Amino acid sequence: MEQILNYTIAFFMWLVLGRATLSLFTTDLKNPIYAFFYKFTEPLYKPFRKILPFGHTIAIVITLFILRILVIKFL
């Protein structure tokens, strides 16, 4: 069970990093690659936008990284 949780958190962490990297080049939702990243990461971004309107990608990555460490350590 902890492996599934660990891989899920890692998957979302890499999606957020991928979206952050792609946003340096394009933010056009007509681009299929960016649209893929946008579709899967937007639910993660919504709660953080209320707290941190700027710099939310860093906050999401740090949160996912901490969750991943906690999962590995305590489960």
N, C-alpha and C. Protein backbone atom coordinates (compact mmCIF):
# COMPACT_ATOMS: atom_id res chain seq x y z
N MET A 1 0.82 -1.19 0.00
CA MET A 1 0.00 0.00 0.00
C MET A 1 0.87 1.26 0.00
N GLU A 2 1.94 1.26 0.81
CA GLU A 2 2.79 2.44 0.87
C GLU A 2 3.53 2.67 -0.44
N GLN A 3 3.81 1.58 -1.17
CA GLN A 3 4.47 1.74 -2.47
C GLN A 3 3.57 2.46 -3.46
N ILE A 4 2.29 2.12 -3.45
CA ILE A 4 1.34 2.78 -4.34
C ILE A 4 1.23 4.26 -4.01
N LEU A 5 1.15 4.57 -2.72
CA LEU A 5 1.08 5.96 -2.29
C LEU A 5 2.36 6.70 -2.66
N ASN A 6 3.48 6.07 -2.45
CA ASN A 6 4.77 6.68 -2.78
C ASN A 6 4.87 6.98 -4.28
N TYR A 7 4.50 6.01 -5.11
CA TYR A 7 4.57 6.22 -6.55
C TYR A 7 3.56 7.26 -7.03
N THR A 8 2.40 7.31 -6.42
CA THR A 8 1.40 8.30 -6.79
C THR A 8 1.90 9.71 -6.47
N ILE A 9 2.46 9.89 -5.30
CA ILE A 9 2.99 11.20 -4.93
C ILE A 9 4.15 11.58 -5.84
N ALA A 10 5.01 10.62 -6.13
CA ALA A 10 6.15 10.88 -7.03
C ALA A 10 5.65 11.24 -8.43
N PHE A 11 4.62 10.57 -8.90
CA PHE A 11 4.05 10.86 -10.22
C PHE A 11 3.54 12.29 -10.28
N PHE A 12 2.80 12.71 -9.26
CA PHE A 12 2.28 14.07 -9.26
C PHE A 12 3.40 15.10 -9.10
N MET A 13 4.43 14.75 -8.35
CA MET A 13 5.56 15.66 -8.19
C MET A 13 6.25 15.89 -9.54
N TRP A 14 6.44 14.83 -10.31
CA TRP A 14 7.07 14.98 -11.62
C TRP A 14 6.16 15.70 -12.60
N LEU A 15 4.84 15.50 -12.47
CA LEU A 15 3.92 16.24 -13.33
C LEU A 15 4.00 17.74 -13.06
N VAL A 16 4.06 18.11 -11.80
CA VAL A 16 4.15 19.53 -11.45
C VAL A 16 5.48 20.11 -11.96
N LEU A 17 6.56 19.37 -11.79
CA LEU A 17 7.85 19.84 -12.30
C LEU A 17 7.84 19.95 -13.83
N GLY A 18 7.19 19.00 -14.48
CA GLY A 18 7.07 19.05 -15.94
C GLY A 18 6.27 20.25 -16.40
N ARG A 19 5.18 20.53 -15.71
CA ARG A 19 4.37 21.70 -16.07
C ARG A 19 5.15 22.99 -15.84
N ALA A 20 5.89 23.05 -14.75
CA ALA A 20 6.69 24.24 -14.47
C ALA A 20 7.75 24.45 -15.56
N THR A 21 8.36 23.36 -16.00
CA THR A 21 9.37 23.46 -17.05
C THR A 21 8.75 23.88 -18.37
N LEU A 22 7.61 23.29 -18.72
CA LEU A 22 6.95 23.65 -19.97
C LEU A 22 6.43 25.08 -19.95
N SER A 23 6.06 25.57 -18.79
CA SER A 23 5.53 26.94 -18.73
C SER A 23 6.60 27.97 -19.05
N LEU A 24 7.86 27.58 -19.02
CA LEU A 24 8.91 28.50 -19.45
C LEU A 24 8.87 28.72 -20.96
N PHE A 25 8.34 27.75 -21.70
CA PHE A 25 8.32 27.81 -23.15
C PHE A 25 6.94 28.16 -23.72
N THR A 26 5.89 27.60 -23.12
CA THR A 26 4.54 27.85 -23.62
C THR A 26 3.52 27.66 -22.50
N THR A 27 2.44 28.41 -22.61
CA THR A 27 1.29 28.20 -21.71
C THR A 27 0.03 28.07 -22.54
N ASP A 28 0.19 27.73 -23.80
CA ASP A 28 -0.93 27.58 -24.72
C ASP A 28 -1.59 26.23 -24.52
N LEU A 29 -2.88 26.24 -24.17
CA LEU A 29 -3.59 24.97 -23.95
C LEU A 29 -3.88 24.21 -25.24
N LYS A 30 -3.61 24.83 -26.38
CA LYS A 30 -3.76 24.11 -27.66
C LYS A 30 -2.59 23.15 -27.89
N ASN A 31 -1.51 23.38 -27.19
CA ASN A 31 -0.37 22.47 -27.25
C ASN A 31 -0.75 21.19 -26.50
N PRO A 32 -0.76 20.03 -27.15
CA PRO A 32 -1.23 18.80 -26.50
C PRO A 32 -0.39 18.37 -25.29
N ILE A 33 0.89 18.63 -25.33
CA ILE A 33 1.74 18.23 -24.20
C ILE A 33 1.44 19.10 -22.98
N TYR A 34 1.36 20.41 -23.20
CA TYR A 34 1.05 21.30 -22.08
C TYR A 34 -0.37 21.05 -21.58
N ALA A 35 -1.31 20.76 -22.49
CA ALA A 35 -2.68 20.48 -22.08
C ALA A 35 -2.75 19.24 -21.20
N PHE A 36 -1.94 18.23 -21.49
CA PHE A 36 -1.88 17.02 -20.66
C PHE A 36 -1.43 17.37 -19.25
N PHE A 37 -0.33 18.11 -19.14
CA PHE A 37 0.18 18.49 -17.83
C PHE A 37 -0.82 19.38 -17.09
N TYR A 38 -1.45 20.28 -17.82
CA TYR A 38 -2.42 21.18 -17.21
C TYR A 38 -3.62 20.42 -16.65
N LYS A 39 -4.10 19.46 -17.41
CA LYS A 39 -5.28 18.68 -17.00
C LYS A 39 -5.04 17.92 -15.70
N PHE A 40 -3.87 17.35 -15.54
CA PHE A 40 -3.60 16.53 -14.36
C PHE A 40 -3.07 17.33 -13.16
N THR A 41 -2.49 18.49 -13.40
CA THR A 41 -1.93 19.24 -12.28
C THR A 41 -2.84 20.36 -11.79
N GLU A 42 -3.80 20.77 -12.57
CA GLU A 42 -4.66 21.88 -12.16
C GLU A 42 -5.39 21.62 -10.84
N PRO A 43 -5.89 20.41 -10.56
CA PRO A 43 -6.51 20.18 -9.23
C PRO A 43 -5.54 20.38 -8.07
N LEU A 44 -4.25 20.16 -8.29
CA LEU A 44 -3.25 20.40 -7.25
C LEU A 44 -2.99 21.89 -7.05
N TYR A 45 -3.10 22.65 -8.12
CA TYR A 45 -2.79 24.07 -8.06
C TYR A 45 -3.88 24.88 -7.38
N LYS A 46 -5.14 24.48 -7.52
CA LYS A 46 -6.26 25.30 -7.03
C LYS A 46 -6.17 25.63 -5.54
N PRO A 47 -5.93 24.69 -4.63
CA PRO A 47 -5.86 25.08 -3.22
C PRO A 47 -4.67 25.99 -2.90
N PHE A 48 -3.57 25.79 -3.62
CA PHE A 48 -2.38 26.60 -3.36
C PHE A 48 -2.53 28.02 -3.88
N ARG A 49 -3.35 28.23 -4.91
CA ARG A 49 -3.55 29.57 -5.45
C ARG A 49 -4.25 30.48 -4.46
N LYS A 50 -5.08 29.90 -3.62
CA LYS A 50 -5.77 30.72 -2.62
C LYS A 50 -4.78 31.20 -1.56
N ILE A 51 -3.82 30.36 -1.21
CA ILE A 51 -2.85 30.70 -0.17
C ILE A 51 -1.71 31.53 -0.75
N LEU A 52 -1.14 31.05 -1.83
CA LEU A 52 0.02 31.71 -2.44
C LEU A 52 -0.27 32.00 -3.91
N PRO A 53 -0.74 33.19 -4.24
CA PRO A 53 -1.05 33.48 -5.65
C PRO A 53 0.17 33.42 -6.56
N PHE A 54 1.35 33.71 -6.01
CA PHE A 54 2.59 33.63 -6.80
C PHE A 54 3.51 32.63 -6.13
N GLY A 55 4.23 31.88 -6.92
CA GLY A 55 5.17 30.91 -6.36
C GLY A 55 4.51 29.63 -5.90
N HIS A 56 3.36 29.32 -6.41
CA HIS A 56 2.64 28.13 -5.96
C HIS A 56 3.29 26.84 -6.43
N THR A 57 4.00 26.85 -7.54
CA THR A 57 4.65 25.64 -8.02
C THR A 57 5.71 25.17 -7.03
N ILE A 58 6.46 26.08 -6.49
CA ILE A 58 7.47 25.72 -5.50
C ILE A 58 6.82 25.13 -4.27
N ALA A 59 5.72 25.73 -3.83
CA ALA A 59 5.01 25.24 -2.65
C ALA A 59 4.46 23.84 -2.88
N ILE A 60 3.94 23.59 -4.06
CA ILE A 60 3.39 22.27 -4.36
C ILE A 60 4.50 21.22 -4.39
N VAL A 61 5.61 21.53 -5.02
CA VAL A 61 6.72 20.58 -5.10
C VAL A 61 7.27 20.28 -3.72
N ILE A 62 7.43 21.30 -2.89
CA ILE A 62 7.93 21.08 -1.53
C ILE A 62 6.95 20.24 -0.73
N THR A 63 5.66 20.53 -0.85
CA THR A 63 4.66 19.75 -0.13
C THR A 63 4.66 18.29 -0.57
N LEU A 64 4.72 18.05 -1.87
CA LEU A 64 4.74 16.68 -2.37
C LEU A 64 6.02 15.96 -1.95
N PHE A 65 7.13 16.67 -1.95
CA PHE A 65 8.39 16.06 -1.54
C PHE A 65 8.34 15.67 -0.06
N ILE A 66 7.81 16.54 0.78
CA ILE A 66 7.69 16.23 2.21
C ILE A 66 6.74 15.06 2.42
N LEU A 67 5.61 15.05 1.72
CA LEU A 67 4.67 13.92 1.84
C LEU A 67 5.34 12.62 1.43
N ARG A 68 6.11 12.67 0.36
CA ARG A 68 6.79 11.46 -0.11
C ARG A 68 7.78 10.95 0.93
N ILE A 69 8.53 11.84 1.54
CA ILE A 69 9.47 11.43 2.59
C ILE A 69 8.73 10.84 3.76
N LEU A 70 7.62 11.44 4.17
CA LEU A 70 6.85 10.92 5.28
C LEU A 70 6.28 9.54 4.98
N VAL A 71 5.84 9.34 3.76
CA VAL A 71 5.31 8.03 3.37
C VAL A 71 6.40 6.98 3.44
N ILE A 72 7.57 7.30 2.91
CA ILE A 72 8.67 6.34 2.93
C ILE A 72 9.12 6.03 4.35
N LYS A 73 9.16 7.05 5.18
CA LYS A 73 9.70 6.88 6.53
C LYS A 73 8.73 6.18 7.47
N PHE A 74 7.45 6.52 7.41
CA PHE A 74 6.52 6.04 8.43
C PHE A 74 5.59 4.93 7.99
N LEU A 75 5.55 4.60 6.69
CA LEU A 75 4.67 3.50 6.28
C LEU A 75 5.47 2.34 5.84
